[in-house]
Amino acid sequence: MKYLCLVYSNEQLLHSLPESPKDAECQAYAEQVAHSGRMLAAEALQGVATATTVRMRAGQVLLSDGPFAETKEQLAGFYLIEARDLNEALQLAAGIPAARVGCVEVRPVRQLVV
């Protein structure tokens, strides 16, 4: 089953705390999961200043700069993994280095028939 691990952190603190992961550690984690055959995709995102939110209201497209909500933590990246079950997905998510300074939301992927 596929699981999406959404990595959230305060982008102002993500790389400045003593326990903050370095790029090499994140790369090593991604390579480890990839070599196990469970990594389907992983990407880090640009900062929230580059985000645009799209809404459709009454037939009108509304665009606004920045993330969809005012929060202390922003979506920083994601891992799309293959796991036997939720327990295995949670174990993999616990190993994501950025979980030390933020959080990781784990969600099952709903298969669409297209």
N, C-alpha and C. Protein backbone atom coordinates (compact mmCIF):
# COMPACT_ATOMS: atom_id res chain seq x y z
N MET A 1 0.84 -1.17 0.00
CA MET A 1 0.00 0.00 0.00
C MET A 1 0.89 1.24 0.00
N LYS A 2 0.43 2.28 -0.67
CA LYS A 2 1.20 3.53 -0.73
C LYS A 2 0.80 4.44 0.43
N TYR A 3 1.81 5.12 0.97
CA TYR A 3 1.61 6.10 2.03
C TYR A 3 2.37 7.37 1.67
N LEU A 4 1.75 8.50 1.93
CA LEU A 4 2.41 9.79 1.72
C LEU A 4 2.82 10.32 3.08
N CYS A 5 4.10 10.60 3.23
CA CYS A 5 4.64 11.16 4.47
C CYS A 5 4.91 12.64 4.21
N LEU A 6 4.08 13.50 4.78
CA LEU A 6 4.21 14.94 4.59
C LEU A 6 5.06 15.50 5.72
N VAL A 7 6.15 16.14 5.38
CA VAL A 7 7.09 16.67 6.36
C VAL A 7 6.77 18.14 6.61
N TYR A 8 6.44 18.47 7.86
CA TYR A 8 6.14 19.85 8.24
C TYR A 8 7.20 20.34 9.22
N SER A 9 7.57 21.59 9.07
CA SER A 9 8.50 22.20 10.02
C SER A 9 8.37 23.71 9.93
N ASN A 10 8.89 24.38 10.93
CA ASN A 10 8.97 25.83 10.89
C ASN A 10 10.16 26.15 10.01
N GLU A 11 9.91 26.72 8.85
CA GLU A 11 11.00 26.89 7.89
C GLU A 11 12.07 27.84 8.41
N GLN A 12 11.73 28.70 9.37
CA GLN A 12 12.73 29.58 9.96
C GLN A 12 13.70 28.81 10.86
N LEU A 13 13.25 27.68 11.42
CA LEU A 13 14.07 26.91 12.36
C LEU A 13 14.64 25.62 11.76
N LEU A 14 14.11 25.21 10.62
CA LEU A 14 14.44 23.89 10.07
C LEU A 14 15.93 23.62 10.01
N HIS A 15 16.72 24.59 9.61
CA HIS A 15 18.16 24.36 9.45
C HIS A 15 19.01 25.06 10.50
N SER A 16 18.38 25.62 11.55
CA SER A 16 19.16 26.41 12.50
C SER A 16 19.26 25.80 13.90
N LEU A 17 18.48 24.78 14.21
CA LEU A 17 18.54 24.17 15.55
C LEU A 17 19.67 23.16 15.61
N PRO A 18 20.22 22.94 16.81
CA PRO A 18 21.31 21.95 16.92
C PRO A 18 20.92 20.56 16.43
N GLU A 19 19.66 20.18 16.62
CA GLU A 19 19.21 18.85 16.19
C GLU A 19 18.70 18.83 14.74
N SER A 20 18.81 19.95 14.04
CA SER A 20 18.36 20.02 12.65
C SER A 20 19.16 19.06 11.77
N PRO A 21 18.48 18.34 10.90
CA PRO A 21 19.20 17.42 10.01
C PRO A 21 19.94 18.20 8.92
N LYS A 22 21.06 17.67 8.53
CA LYS A 22 21.82 18.22 7.40
C LYS A 22 21.39 17.50 6.13
N ASP A 23 21.62 18.12 4.99
CA ASP A 23 21.22 17.53 3.72
C ASP A 23 21.80 16.13 3.53
N ALA A 24 23.03 15.91 3.95
CA ALA A 24 23.67 14.60 3.77
C ALA A 24 22.93 13.52 4.55
N GLU A 25 22.44 13.85 5.74
CA GLU A 25 21.69 12.89 6.54
C GLU A 25 20.36 12.56 5.86
N CYS A 26 19.70 13.58 5.35
CA CYS A 26 18.42 13.37 4.65
C CYS A 26 18.63 12.53 3.40
N GLN A 27 19.71 12.79 2.68
CA GLN A 27 20.03 12.02 1.47
C GLN A 27 20.32 10.57 1.83
N ALA A 28 21.06 10.34 2.91
CA ALA A 28 21.38 8.98 3.34
C ALA A 28 20.12 8.22 3.72
N TYR A 29 19.18 8.90 4.41
CA TYR A 29 17.92 8.25 4.78
C TYR A 29 17.15 7.88 3.51
N ALA A 30 17.03 8.80 2.58
CA ALA A 30 16.28 8.55 1.34
C ALA A 30 16.91 7.39 0.57
N GLU A 31 18.24 7.33 0.52
CA GLU A 31 18.92 6.25 -0.18
C GLU A 31 18.67 4.91 0.50
N GLN A 32 18.66 4.91 1.83
CA GLN A 32 18.41 3.68 2.59
C GLN A 32 17.02 3.14 2.28
N VAL A 33 16.01 4.00 2.29
CA VAL A 33 14.65 3.57 2.00
C VAL A 33 14.52 3.17 0.53
N ALA A 34 15.20 3.89 -0.35
CA ALA A 34 15.17 3.56 -1.78
C ALA A 34 15.77 2.17 -2.02
N HIS A 35 16.90 1.89 -1.37
CA HIS A 35 17.55 0.59 -1.55
C HIS A 35 16.69 -0.55 -1.02
N SER A 36 15.80 -0.26 -0.07
CA SER A 36 14.90 -1.29 0.45
C SER A 36 13.74 -1.56 -0.51
N GLY A 37 13.61 -0.72 -1.54
CA GLY A 37 12.53 -0.88 -2.51
C GLY A 37 11.22 -0.24 -2.10
N ARG A 38 11.24 0.52 -1.01
CA ARG A 38 9.99 1.10 -0.50
C ARG A 38 9.80 2.57 -0.87
N MET A 39 10.81 3.21 -1.46
CA MET A 39 10.70 4.62 -1.83
C MET A 39 10.12 4.74 -3.23
N LEU A 40 9.04 5.46 -3.35
CA LEU A 40 8.44 5.70 -4.66
C LEU A 40 8.79 7.08 -5.16
N ALA A 41 8.89 8.05 -4.26
CA ALA A 41 9.28 9.42 -4.63
C ALA A 41 9.59 10.18 -3.35
N ALA A 42 10.44 11.19 -3.46
CA ALA A 42 10.74 12.07 -2.33
C ALA A 42 11.26 13.38 -2.89
N GLU A 43 10.79 14.47 -2.34
CA GLU A 43 11.24 15.78 -2.78
C GLU A 43 11.16 16.76 -1.62
N ALA A 44 12.09 17.69 -1.60
CA ALA A 44 12.00 18.84 -0.70
C ALA A 44 11.34 19.97 -1.48
N LEU A 45 10.65 20.83 -0.79
CA LEU A 45 9.94 21.93 -1.45
C LEU A 45 10.68 23.25 -1.23
N GLN A 46 10.50 24.17 -2.15
CA GLN A 46 11.01 25.53 -1.98
C GLN A 46 10.26 26.17 -0.82
N GLY A 47 10.75 27.29 -0.32
CA GLY A 47 10.13 27.98 0.80
C GLY A 47 8.72 28.47 0.50
N VAL A 48 7.97 28.75 1.56
CA VAL A 48 6.58 29.16 1.39
C VAL A 48 6.45 30.48 0.64
N ALA A 49 7.49 31.28 0.60
CA ALA A 49 7.43 32.54 -0.15
C ALA A 49 7.22 32.29 -1.64
N THR A 50 7.52 31.07 -2.10
CA THR A 50 7.35 30.74 -3.51
C THR A 50 5.98 30.13 -3.80
N ALA A 51 5.17 29.89 -2.76
CA ALA A 51 3.89 29.20 -2.92
C ALA A 51 2.79 30.13 -3.43
N THR A 52 1.89 29.54 -4.17
CA THR A 52 0.66 30.22 -4.59
C THR A 52 -0.49 29.27 -4.29
N THR A 53 -1.52 29.79 -3.65
CA THR A 53 -2.70 28.99 -3.32
C THR A 53 -3.80 29.29 -4.33
N VAL A 54 -4.42 28.23 -4.83
CA VAL A 54 -5.49 28.35 -5.82
C VAL A 54 -6.80 27.93 -5.17
N ARG A 55 -7.81 28.78 -5.31
CA ARG A 55 -9.16 28.46 -4.86
C ARG A 55 -10.13 28.74 -6.00
N MET A 56 -11.20 27.97 -6.07
CA MET A 56 -12.26 28.22 -7.04
C MET A 56 -13.51 28.56 -6.23
N ARG A 57 -14.02 29.76 -6.42
CA ARG A 57 -15.20 30.22 -5.69
C ARG A 57 -16.17 30.85 -6.68
N ALA A 58 -17.39 30.34 -6.71
CA ALA A 58 -18.45 30.88 -7.57
C ALA A 58 -17.98 31.05 -9.02
N GLY A 59 -17.24 30.03 -9.50
CA GLY A 59 -16.78 30.07 -10.87
C GLY A 59 -15.58 30.95 -11.13
N GLN A 60 -15.04 31.56 -10.11
CA GLN A 60 -13.88 32.45 -10.23
C GLN A 60 -12.65 31.77 -9.64
N VAL A 61 -11.54 31.91 -10.32
CA VAL A 61 -10.27 31.42 -9.79
C VAL A 61 -9.67 32.52 -8.93
N LEU A 62 -9.38 32.18 -7.68
CA LEU A 62 -8.75 33.13 -6.76
C LEU A 62 -7.35 32.63 -6.45
N LEU A 63 -6.36 33.49 -6.65
CA LEU A 63 -4.97 33.16 -6.37
C LEU A 63 -4.49 34.02 -5.22
N SER A 64 -3.74 33.42 -4.32
CA SER A 64 -3.13 34.20 -3.25
C SER A 64 -1.71 33.70 -3.03
N ASP A 65 -0.84 34.62 -2.67
CA ASP A 65 0.55 34.27 -2.42
C ASP A 65 0.65 33.54 -1.09
N GLY A 66 1.58 32.61 -1.03
CA GLY A 66 1.88 31.94 0.22
C GLY A 66 1.08 30.67 0.43
N PRO A 67 1.30 30.06 1.59
CA PRO A 67 0.63 28.79 1.90
C PRO A 67 -0.86 29.01 2.15
N PHE A 68 -1.59 27.91 2.20
CA PHE A 68 -3.05 27.98 2.31
C PHE A 68 -3.53 28.47 3.66
N ALA A 69 -2.71 28.40 4.68
CA ALA A 69 -3.16 28.79 6.02
C ALA A 69 -2.00 29.43 6.78
N GLU A 70 -2.34 30.27 7.72
CA GLU A 70 -1.33 30.85 8.60
C GLU A 70 -1.02 29.84 9.69
N THR A 71 0.17 29.30 9.67
CA THR A 71 0.58 28.31 10.66
C THR A 71 2.03 28.54 11.04
N LYS A 72 2.45 27.90 12.11
CA LYS A 72 3.84 27.99 12.52
C LYS A 72 4.71 27.00 11.75
N GLU A 73 4.09 25.94 11.25
CA GLU A 73 4.83 24.94 10.49
C GLU A 73 4.31 24.90 9.07
N GLN A 74 5.23 24.71 8.13
CA GLN A 74 4.88 24.68 6.72
C GLN A 74 5.27 23.34 6.13
N LEU A 75 4.62 22.98 5.04
CA LEU A 75 4.98 21.76 4.33
C LEU A 75 6.35 21.97 3.71
N ALA A 76 7.30 21.13 4.11
CA ALA A 76 8.68 21.28 3.66
C ALA A 76 9.05 20.27 2.58
N GLY A 77 8.35 19.15 2.54
CA GLY A 77 8.67 18.12 1.56
C GLY A 77 7.82 16.89 1.79
N PHE A 78 8.10 15.84 1.04
CA PHE A 78 7.31 14.62 1.17
C PHE A 78 8.12 13.41 0.77
N TYR A 79 7.66 12.28 1.24
CA TYR A 79 8.14 10.98 0.81
C TYR A 79 6.91 10.17 0.43
N LEU A 80 6.91 9.57 -0.73
CA LEU A 80 5.86 8.64 -1.13
C LEU A 80 6.48 7.26 -1.03
N ILE A 81 5.94 6.46 -0.13
CA ILE A 81 6.56 5.16 0.17
C ILE A 81 5.57 4.03 -0.08
N GLU A 82 6.11 2.84 -0.18
CA GLU A 82 5.33 1.61 -0.25
C GLU A 82 5.59 0.88 1.06
N ALA A 83 4.53 0.51 1.77
CA ALA A 83 4.69 -0.20 3.04
C ALA A 83 3.63 -1.29 3.14
N ARG A 84 3.94 -2.33 3.93
CA ARG A 84 2.98 -3.43 4.12
C ARG A 84 1.69 -2.94 4.76
N ASP A 85 1.85 -2.04 5.74
CA ASP A 85 0.69 -1.56 6.50
C ASP A 85 1.05 -0.25 7.17
N LEU A 86 0.10 0.31 7.91
CA LEU A 86 0.32 1.59 8.57
C LEU A 86 1.47 1.51 9.57
N ASN A 87 1.60 0.41 10.28
CA ASN A 87 2.69 0.30 11.26
C ASN A 87 4.06 0.43 10.60
N GLU A 88 4.24 -0.24 9.47
CA GLU A 88 5.52 -0.12 8.77
C GLU A 88 5.72 1.30 8.25
N ALA A 89 4.65 1.92 7.74
CA ALA A 89 4.75 3.30 7.26
C ALA A 89 5.14 4.24 8.40
N LEU A 90 4.57 4.03 9.58
CA LEU A 90 4.91 4.88 10.73
C LEU A 90 6.36 4.68 11.17
N GLN A 91 6.85 3.46 11.09
CA GLN A 91 8.25 3.21 11.42
C GLN A 91 9.18 3.93 10.45
N LEU A 92 8.84 3.89 9.16
CA LEU A 92 9.65 4.60 8.17
C LEU A 92 9.58 6.11 8.41
N ALA A 93 8.40 6.62 8.71
CA ALA A 93 8.24 8.06 8.96
C ALA A 93 9.03 8.50 10.18
N ALA A 94 9.10 7.66 11.19
CA ALA A 94 9.85 8.01 12.40
C ALA A 94 11.34 8.18 12.11
N GLY A 95 11.82 7.55 11.05
CA GLY A 95 13.23 7.68 10.68
C GLY A 95 13.55 8.91 9.85
N ILE A 96 12.54 9.63 9.40
CA ILE A 96 12.79 10.82 8.59
C ILE A 96 13.50 11.85 9.47
N PRO A 97 14.71 12.28 9.11
CA PRO A 97 15.49 13.17 9.97
C PRO A 97 14.76 14.45 10.38
N ALA A 98 13.96 15.03 9.51
CA ALA A 98 13.27 16.29 9.83
C ALA A 98 12.21 16.12 10.92
N ALA A 99 11.84 14.89 11.24
CA ALA A 99 10.86 14.66 12.31
C ALA A 99 11.38 15.16 13.65
N ARG A 100 12.70 15.29 13.77
CA ARG A 100 13.29 15.78 15.03
C ARG A 100 12.97 17.24 15.30
N VAL A 101 12.73 18.01 14.25
CA VAL A 101 12.49 19.45 14.42
C VAL A 101 11.12 19.88 13.93
N GLY A 102 10.36 18.94 13.43
CA GLY A 102 9.01 19.25 12.94
C GLY A 102 8.13 18.05 13.17
N CYS A 103 7.31 17.71 12.21
CA CYS A 103 6.46 16.53 12.33
C CYS A 103 6.26 15.94 10.94
N VAL A 104 5.81 14.70 10.93
CA VAL A 104 5.54 13.99 9.69
C VAL A 104 4.12 13.45 9.76
N GLU A 105 3.29 13.89 8.84
CA GLU A 105 1.92 13.39 8.74
C GLU A 105 1.94 12.22 7.76
N VAL A 106 1.41 11.08 8.19
CA VAL A 106 1.39 9.88 7.36
C VAL A 106 -0.06 9.62 6.93
N ARG A 107 -0.26 9.54 5.63
CA ARG A 107 -1.61 9.31 5.11
C ARG A 107 -1.60 8.25 4.04
N PRO A 108 -2.53 7.29 4.13
CA PRO A 108 -2.66 6.31 3.06
C PRO A 108 -3.09 6.99 1.77
N VAL A 109 -2.59 6.49 0.67
CA VAL A 109 -2.96 7.03 -0.64
C VAL A 109 -4.20 6.28 -1.12
N ARG A 110 -5.20 7.00 -1.52
CA ARG A 110 -6.42 6.40 -2.07
C ARG A 110 -6.23 6.23 -3.57
N GLN A 111 -6.34 5.02 -4.04
CA GLN A 111 -6.14 4.73 -5.45
C GLN A 111 -7.33 5.26 -6.27
N LEU A 112 -7.04 5.98 -7.32
CA LEU A 112 -8.06 6.48 -8.22
C LEU A 112 -8.09 5.62 -9.48
N VAL A 113 -9.26 5.35 -9.95
CA VAL A 113 -9.41 4.62 -11.21
C VAL A 113 -9.56 5.65 -12.31
N VAL A 114 -8.55 5.71 -13.19
CA VAL A 114 -8.60 6.69 -14.28
C VAL A 114 -8.46 6.01 -15.61
